[in-house]
Amino acid sequence: EDDGEGGLDRVAELFNVCDGGDALRASRRNQEAFVGDGLFYVPAQSNDPACEGGLCNIEKICKAMIDEKESNQGISSMEILATIKNLKNHGDEDCTNVNWGAYLLYLKTPTNLNANDRSWMYQTCSEFGFYLTCNQDSECPYGRGYHDVNQDLEMCQEVFGIDPSDVENNVDSTLSYYGGWSLTPNTTGEDKVRPKNAPLGLSEGSLEYDGQKRLIFAYGSVDPWTALAVTSGNEDHPSVGVAGASHHFWTHQVKDSDAEEVRAARQTIYETVEGWLGLSTEGLPSIGGETVVFEKE
């Protein structure tokens, strides 16, 4: 909030906000849009430890923040963030537009530019939620208290005409259908489990085995979505944890710079699926009811 002595004006100046402090004073939603998801982009989901260039990964961003603090003892945390943002933007002089209403209008109007954003948002409204909030009493690293679920529900309402109560019902329906943490779908009929290492498509008389139980879950320790990951595995639902990896990094193009943990996770996934397909039984990882976690040394 404005401290009565131009606090918002100072913040707007530091972060080059279009229309200055007036944009931040215009509405609470503008303030939330500005600070609720971070003051600059941090590639938590797409972090690449081997990336080349400026502040392209978490390690480089953190090092720059520490270096800035150590070289300027009197500098405030806010000023450090502003400096890092400027470095990430390579000194781009274009101001940052902070306008909640304009953002909603952008999302309401389908274009090639917002197609990905709109499709993801529609899934959250119509199926599963997954809202990344930053509540006051949380450990969120951004502006705590500046992004609660009501902000996301408002977007569902304004952009797609989906009421908050419908969002809640849609999430409940999805959990019921897929089984949530229990992974027991709300289906009818006999639950048929394929014999271990039996090829897909195997039938035994009138009994056809489905692949319902053949699920492997992999998650990276740097990925913010790991909070929703299945981290306790069993024989039919093995779980693979990959230290230092971001969002499904093991599915990215194979590079010489890939960490050993990522290489090991790929091999485990390959061998597990090959075993389920009946293509190979040698070297099948013994994961059983345990979670495989590839740790950094």
Protein backbone atom coordinates (compact mmCIF):
# COMPACT_ATOMS: atom_id res chain seq x y z
CA GLU A 1 0.00 0.00 0.00
CA ASP A 2 1.03 3.63 -0.49
CA ASP A 3 2.81 4.94 2.65
CA GLY A 4 1.52 8.46 2.11
CA GLU A 5 4.95 9.71 1.05
CA GLY A 6 4.99 8.53 -2.51
CA GLY A 7 5.84 4.89 -1.75
CA LEU A 8 4.02 3.63 -4.83
CA ASP A 9 5.59 6.36 -6.92
CA ARG A 10 9.03 5.15 -5.83
CA VAL A 11 8.17 1.53 -6.62
CA ALA A 12 6.82 2.52 -10.03
CA GLU A 13 9.98 4.49 -10.74
CA LEU A 14 12.25 1.59 -9.77
CA PHE A 15 10.40 -0.87 -12.01
CA ASN A 16 9.57 1.56 -14.82
CA VAL A 17 5.80 1.17 -14.57
CA CYS A 18 3.79 2.91 -17.30
CA ASP A 19 1.85 5.88 -15.85
CA GLY A 20 3.93 5.66 -12.67
CA GLY A 21 2.36 5.31 -9.25
CA ASP A 22 -1.07 6.25 -10.62
CA ALA A 23 -1.26 2.85 -12.33
CA LEU A 24 -0.65 1.10 -9.02
CA ARG A 25 -3.10 3.34 -7.15
CA ALA A 26 -5.83 2.79 -9.76
CA SER A 27 -6.96 -0.54 -8.27
CA ARG A 28 -6.01 -3.31 -5.91
CA ARG A 29 -6.12 -5.70 -8.87
CA ASN A 30 -3.43 -3.65 -10.61
CA GLN A 31 -1.20 -4.02 -7.57
CA GLU A 32 -1.87 -7.75 -7.48
CA ALA A 33 -1.10 -8.12 -11.18
CA PHE A 34 2.16 -6.24 -10.66
CA VAL A 35 3.59 -8.05 -7.64
CA GLY A 36 1.51 -11.21 -7.04
CA ASP A 37 3.46 -13.47 -9.42
CA GLY A 38 6.89 -11.91 -9.05
CA LEU A 39 8.42 -8.68 -10.23
CA PHE A 40 10.37 -10.39 -13.00
CA TYR A 41 10.44 -13.76 -14.74
CA VAL A 42 12.25 -16.60 -12.97
CA PRO A 43 12.47 -19.80 -15.08
CA ALA A 44 11.46 -22.17 -12.30
CA GLN A 45 9.46 -24.39 -14.65
CA SER A 46 11.95 -24.27 -17.53
CA ASN A 47 15.23 -23.99 -15.62
CA ASP A 48 18.24 -25.18 -17.64
CA PRO A 49 21.41 -25.48 -15.51
CA ALA A 50 23.55 -25.53 -18.67
CA CYS A 51 22.01 -22.51 -20.42
CA GLU A 52 24.37 -19.98 -21.92
CA GLY A 53 24.06 -16.22 -21.76
CA GLY A 54 22.94 -13.76 -19.13
CA LEU A 55 20.54 -14.43 -16.28
CA CYS A 56 19.04 -17.46 -18.00
CA ASN A 57 18.61 -19.84 -15.05
CA ILE A 58 17.92 -19.83 -11.32
CA GLU A 59 21.55 -20.24 -10.29
CA LYS A 60 22.67 -17.23 -12.33
CA ILE A 61 19.81 -15.08 -11.06
CA CYS A 62 20.55 -15.97 -7.44
CA LYS A 63 24.27 -15.31 -7.90
CA ALA A 64 23.54 -11.90 -9.43
CA MET A 65 21.29 -10.99 -6.48
CA ILE A 66 23.93 -12.06 -3.96
CA ASP A 67 26.69 -10.23 -5.82
CA GLU A 68 24.56 -7.08 -5.95
CA LYS A 69 23.91 -7.25 -2.21
CA GLU A 70 27.57 -7.83 -1.34
CA SER A 71 28.82 -5.02 -3.57
CA ASN A 72 26.20 -2.50 -2.37
CA GLN A 73 25.75 -3.01 1.35
CA GLY A 74 23.29 -0.14 1.73
CA ILE A 75 20.99 -1.23 -1.08
CA SER A 76 17.46 -2.42 -0.24
CA SER A 77 15.98 -5.73 -1.34
CA MET A 78 13.50 -3.83 -3.52
CA GLU A 79 16.33 -2.00 -5.26
CA ILE A 80 18.16 -5.28 -5.85
CA LEU A 81 15.08 -6.76 -7.52
CA ALA A 82 14.75 -3.67 -9.71
CA THR A 83 18.40 -3.95 -10.73
CA ILE A 84 18.06 -7.63 -11.61
CA LYS A 85 14.92 -6.96 -13.63
CA ASN A 86 16.74 -4.27 -15.59
CA LEU A 87 19.65 -6.65 -16.25
CA LYS A 88 17.26 -9.37 -17.43
CA ASN A 89 15.60 -6.89 -19.77
CA HIS A 90 19.01 -5.83 -21.09
CA GLY A 91 18.21 -2.23 -20.24
CA ASP A 92 15.07 -2.15 -22.40
CA GLU A 93 13.53 1.27 -21.84
CA ASP A 94 9.94 0.19 -22.60
CA CYS A 95 7.79 0.68 -19.51
CA THR A 96 5.86 -2.12 -17.83
CA ASN A 97 2.13 -1.87 -18.44
CA VAL A 98 0.15 -2.67 -15.27
CA ASN A 99 -3.55 -2.75 -16.13
CA TRP A 100 -5.78 -5.57 -14.90
CA GLY A 101 -8.67 -4.57 -17.14
CA ALA A 102 -6.46 -4.51 -20.23
CA TYR A 103 -5.09 -7.95 -19.32
CA LEU A 104 -8.61 -9.40 -19.09
CA LEU A 105 -9.47 -7.84 -22.45
CA TYR A 106 -6.33 -9.38 -23.96
CA LEU A 107 -7.37 -12.82 -22.73
CA LYS A 108 -10.98 -12.40 -23.86
CA THR A 109 -9.94 -11.78 -27.45
CA PRO A 110 -8.57 -14.96 -29.13
CA THR A 111 -5.38 -14.37 -31.12
CA ASN A 112 -2.38 -16.43 -32.18
CA LEU A 113 -0.37 -14.67 -29.49
CA ASN A 114 -2.57 -15.70 -26.57
CA ALA A 115 -3.71 -19.12 -27.81
CA ASN A 116 -1.48 -21.05 -25.39
CA ASP A 117 -2.42 -18.87 -22.42
CA ARG A 118 -6.13 -19.15 -23.18
CA SER A 119 -6.07 -22.92 -23.71
CA TRP A 120 -4.23 -23.51 -20.43
CA MET A 121 -6.51 -21.13 -18.56
CA TYR A 122 -9.60 -22.81 -19.98
CA GLN A 123 -8.37 -26.17 -18.71
CA THR A 124 -7.89 -24.76 -15.23
CA CYS A 125 -11.43 -23.36 -15.27
CA SER A 126 -13.13 -26.37 -16.81
CA GLU A 127 -11.15 -29.27 -15.34
CA PHE A 128 -8.56 -29.07 -12.62
CA GLY A 129 -7.83 -25.66 -11.06
CA PHE A 130 -4.08 -25.87 -10.34
CA TYR A 131 -3.98 -22.18 -9.38
CA LEU A 132 -0.61 -20.83 -8.28
CA THR A 133 -1.62 -18.55 -5.44
CA CYS A 134 0.56 -16.51 -3.10
CA ASN A 135 -1.40 -16.24 0.14
CA GLN A 136 -0.47 -14.04 3.07
CA ASP A 137 0.27 -16.95 5.43
CA SER A 138 2.24 -19.00 2.87
CA GLU A 139 5.93 -19.37 2.10
CA CYS A 140 5.44 -18.05 -1.42
CA PRO A 141 8.59 -16.20 -2.63
CA TYR A 142 6.56 -13.46 -4.34
CA GLY A 143 4.21 -10.77 -3.00
CA ARG A 144 2.39 -12.63 -0.25
CA GLY A 145 -1.25 -11.68 -0.05
CA TYR A 146 -1.26 -10.33 -3.61
CA HIS A 147 -2.52 -13.41 -5.44
CA ASP A 148 -5.38 -15.39 -3.94
CA VAL A 149 -7.67 -17.82 -5.72
CA ASN A 150 -10.37 -15.17 -6.22
CA GLN A 151 -8.16 -13.54 -8.83
CA ASP A 152 -8.09 -16.75 -10.89
CA LEU A 153 -11.80 -17.34 -10.42
CA GLU A 154 -12.49 -13.82 -11.66
CA MET A 155 -10.54 -14.59 -14.84
CA CYS A 156 -12.62 -17.75 -15.40
CA GLN A 157 -15.77 -15.67 -15.05
CA GLU A 158 -14.66 -12.73 -17.17
CA VAL A 159 -12.83 -14.58 -19.93
CA PHE A 160 -14.92 -17.75 -20.35
CA GLY A 161 -18.14 -17.04 -18.47
CA ILE A 162 -17.49 -19.91 -16.03
CA ASP A 163 -18.84 -19.15 -12.57
CA PRO A 164 -16.66 -19.81 -9.49
CA SER A 165 -19.12 -22.48 -8.29
CA ASP A 166 -18.82 -24.21 -11.66
CA VAL A 167 -15.03 -24.18 -11.40
CA GLU A 168 -15.29 -25.92 -8.03
CA ASN A 169 -17.71 -28.49 -9.44
CA ASN A 170 -15.45 -29.07 -12.45
CA VAL A 171 -12.46 -29.75 -10.19
CA ASP A 172 -14.52 -32.17 -8.07
CA SER A 173 -15.64 -33.97 -11.22
CA THR A 174 -12.06 -34.33 -12.44
CA LEU A 175 -10.90 -35.71 -9.09
CA SER A 176 -13.78 -38.17 -9.11
CA TYR A 177 -13.08 -39.31 -12.66
CA TYR A 178 -9.34 -39.83 -12.30
CA GLY A 179 -9.29 -40.74 -8.63
CA GLY A 180 -7.10 -37.96 -7.27
CA TRP A 181 -4.22 -39.24 -5.16
CA SER A 182 -5.75 -42.71 -5.01
CA LEU A 183 -5.59 -43.14 -8.80
CA THR A 184 -8.77 -45.20 -8.70
CA PRO A 185 -10.94 -43.91 -11.54
CA ASN A 186 -14.69 -43.79 -11.04
CA THR A 187 -15.39 -46.52 -13.61
CA THR A 188 -17.71 -49.49 -13.84
CA GLY A 189 -16.93 -53.11 -14.51
CA GLU A 190 -14.04 -55.32 -13.48
CA ASP A 191 -10.73 -53.61 -12.84
CA LYS A 192 -8.39 -55.67 -15.03
CA VAL A 193 -4.67 -55.50 -14.48
CA ARG A 194 -2.21 -56.76 -17.08
CA PRO A 195 0.23 -59.42 -15.91
CA LYS A 196 3.71 -58.08 -15.30
CA ASN A 197 5.74 -57.80 -18.53
CA ALA A 198 2.78 -58.94 -20.64
CA PRO A 199 2.68 -57.15 -24.02
CA LEU A 200 0.00 -54.56 -24.61
CA GLY A 201 -2.90 -56.00 -26.61
CA LEU A 202 -2.73 -59.35 -24.85
CA SER A 203 -6.14 -60.97 -24.54
CA GLU A 204 -7.05 -64.11 -22.66
CA GLY A 205 -10.33 -65.51 -23.86
CA SER A 206 -12.91 -62.78 -23.44
CA LEU A 207 -10.74 -60.95 -20.90
CA GLU A 208 -8.84 -57.98 -22.28
CA TYR A 209 -6.28 -56.35 -20.08
CA ASP A 210 -6.20 -52.59 -19.99
CA GLY A 211 -3.23 -50.38 -19.19
CA GLN A 212 -4.89 -48.55 -16.33
CA LYS A 213 -2.29 -49.59 -13.78
CA ARG A 214 0.76 -48.96 -15.96
CA LEU A 215 1.55 -45.39 -14.96
CA ILE A 216 5.00 -43.96 -14.23
CA PHE A 217 5.38 -40.61 -12.51
CA ALA A 218 8.53 -38.52 -12.83
CA TYR A 219 9.13 -35.20 -11.11
CA GLY A 220 11.99 -32.72 -10.76
CA SER A 221 13.03 -31.17 -7.48
CA VAL A 222 13.23 -27.68 -9.03
CA ASP A 223 9.82 -27.90 -10.73
CA PRO A 224 7.17 -25.84 -8.89
CA TRP A 225 4.57 -28.42 -10.00
CA THR A 226 6.27 -31.06 -7.85
CA ALA A 227 3.95 -29.94 -5.05
CA LEU A 228 1.24 -31.82 -6.98
CA ALA A 229 3.42 -34.77 -7.98
CA VAL A 230 2.91 -38.41 -7.04
CA THR A 231 6.07 -38.98 -5.04
CA SER A 232 5.29 -42.35 -3.43
CA GLY A 233 5.38 -45.15 -5.98
CA ASN A 234 4.56 -48.82 -6.16
CA GLU A 235 4.99 -51.58 -8.73
CA ASP A 236 2.12 -50.45 -10.95
CA HIS A 237 2.63 -46.73 -10.33
CA PRO A 238 6.41 -46.24 -10.03
CA SER A 239 7.64 -42.77 -9.12
CA VAL A 240 10.95 -41.27 -10.20
CA GLY A 241 12.37 -38.17 -8.51
CA VAL A 242 15.09 -36.23 -10.33
CA ALA A 243 17.20 -33.88 -8.21
CA GLY A 244 18.00 -30.52 -9.76
CA ALA A 245 15.61 -31.02 -12.69
CA SER A 246 12.84 -28.66 -13.75
CA HIS A 247 9.52 -29.39 -15.48
CA HIS A 248 9.81 -32.73 -17.42
CA PHE A 249 13.43 -31.83 -18.30
CA TRP A 250 14.10 -35.49 -19.14
CA THR A 251 11.71 -35.18 -22.12
CA HIS A 252 13.78 -32.36 -23.65
CA GLN A 253 16.28 -32.82 -26.44
CA VAL A 254 19.19 -34.97 -25.28
CA LYS A 255 22.33 -32.89 -24.81
CA ASP A 256 25.87 -33.62 -23.71
CA SER A 257 25.36 -31.10 -20.91
CA ASP A 258 22.45 -33.06 -19.36
CA ALA A 259 23.00 -33.89 -15.69
CA GLU A 260 23.65 -37.49 -14.73
CA GLU A 261 20.40 -37.52 -12.73
CA VAL A 262 18.43 -36.64 -15.89
CA ARG A 263 20.21 -39.34 -17.91
CA ALA A 264 19.51 -41.94 -15.22
CA ALA A 265 15.83 -40.96 -15.05
CA ARG A 266 15.47 -41.35 -18.83
CA GLN A 267 17.00 -44.82 -18.69
CA THR A 268 14.70 -45.89 -15.88
CA ILE A 269 11.66 -44.67 -17.81
CA TYR A 270 12.79 -46.41 -21.00
CA GLU A 271 13.44 -49.72 -19.28
CA THR A 272 10.24 -49.63 -17.25
CA VAL A 273 8.05 -49.01 -20.28
CA GLU A 274 9.95 -51.62 -22.31
CA GLY A 275 9.23 -54.11 -19.56
CA TRP A 276 5.53 -53.29 -19.63
CA LEU A 277 5.50 -53.69 -23.41
CA GLY A 278 7.22 -57.04 -23.14
CA LEU A 279 10.15 -55.80 -25.23
CA SER A 280 12.79 -56.39 -22.61
CA THR A 281 13.06 -58.09 -19.25
CA GLU A 282 16.80 -57.71 -18.67
CA GLY A 283 18.02 -54.76 -16.72
CA LEU A 284 14.52 -53.79 -15.57
CA PRO A 285 14.98 -51.40 -12.66
CA SER A 286 13.97 -52.88 -9.36
CA ILE A 287 11.68 -50.11 -8.21
CA GLY A 288 8.82 -52.18 -6.82
CA GLY A 289 7.05 -50.24 -4.11
CA GLU A 290 9.88 -47.78 -3.64
CA THR A 291 10.32 -44.32 -5.10
CA VAL A 292 13.49 -43.93 -7.14
CA VAL A 293 15.17 -40.61 -6.38
CA PHE A 294 18.30 -39.59 -8.25
CA GLU A 295 20.16 -37.29 -5.90
CA LYS A 296 22.95 -34.84 -6.69
CA GLU A 297 26.27 -35.67 -5.05
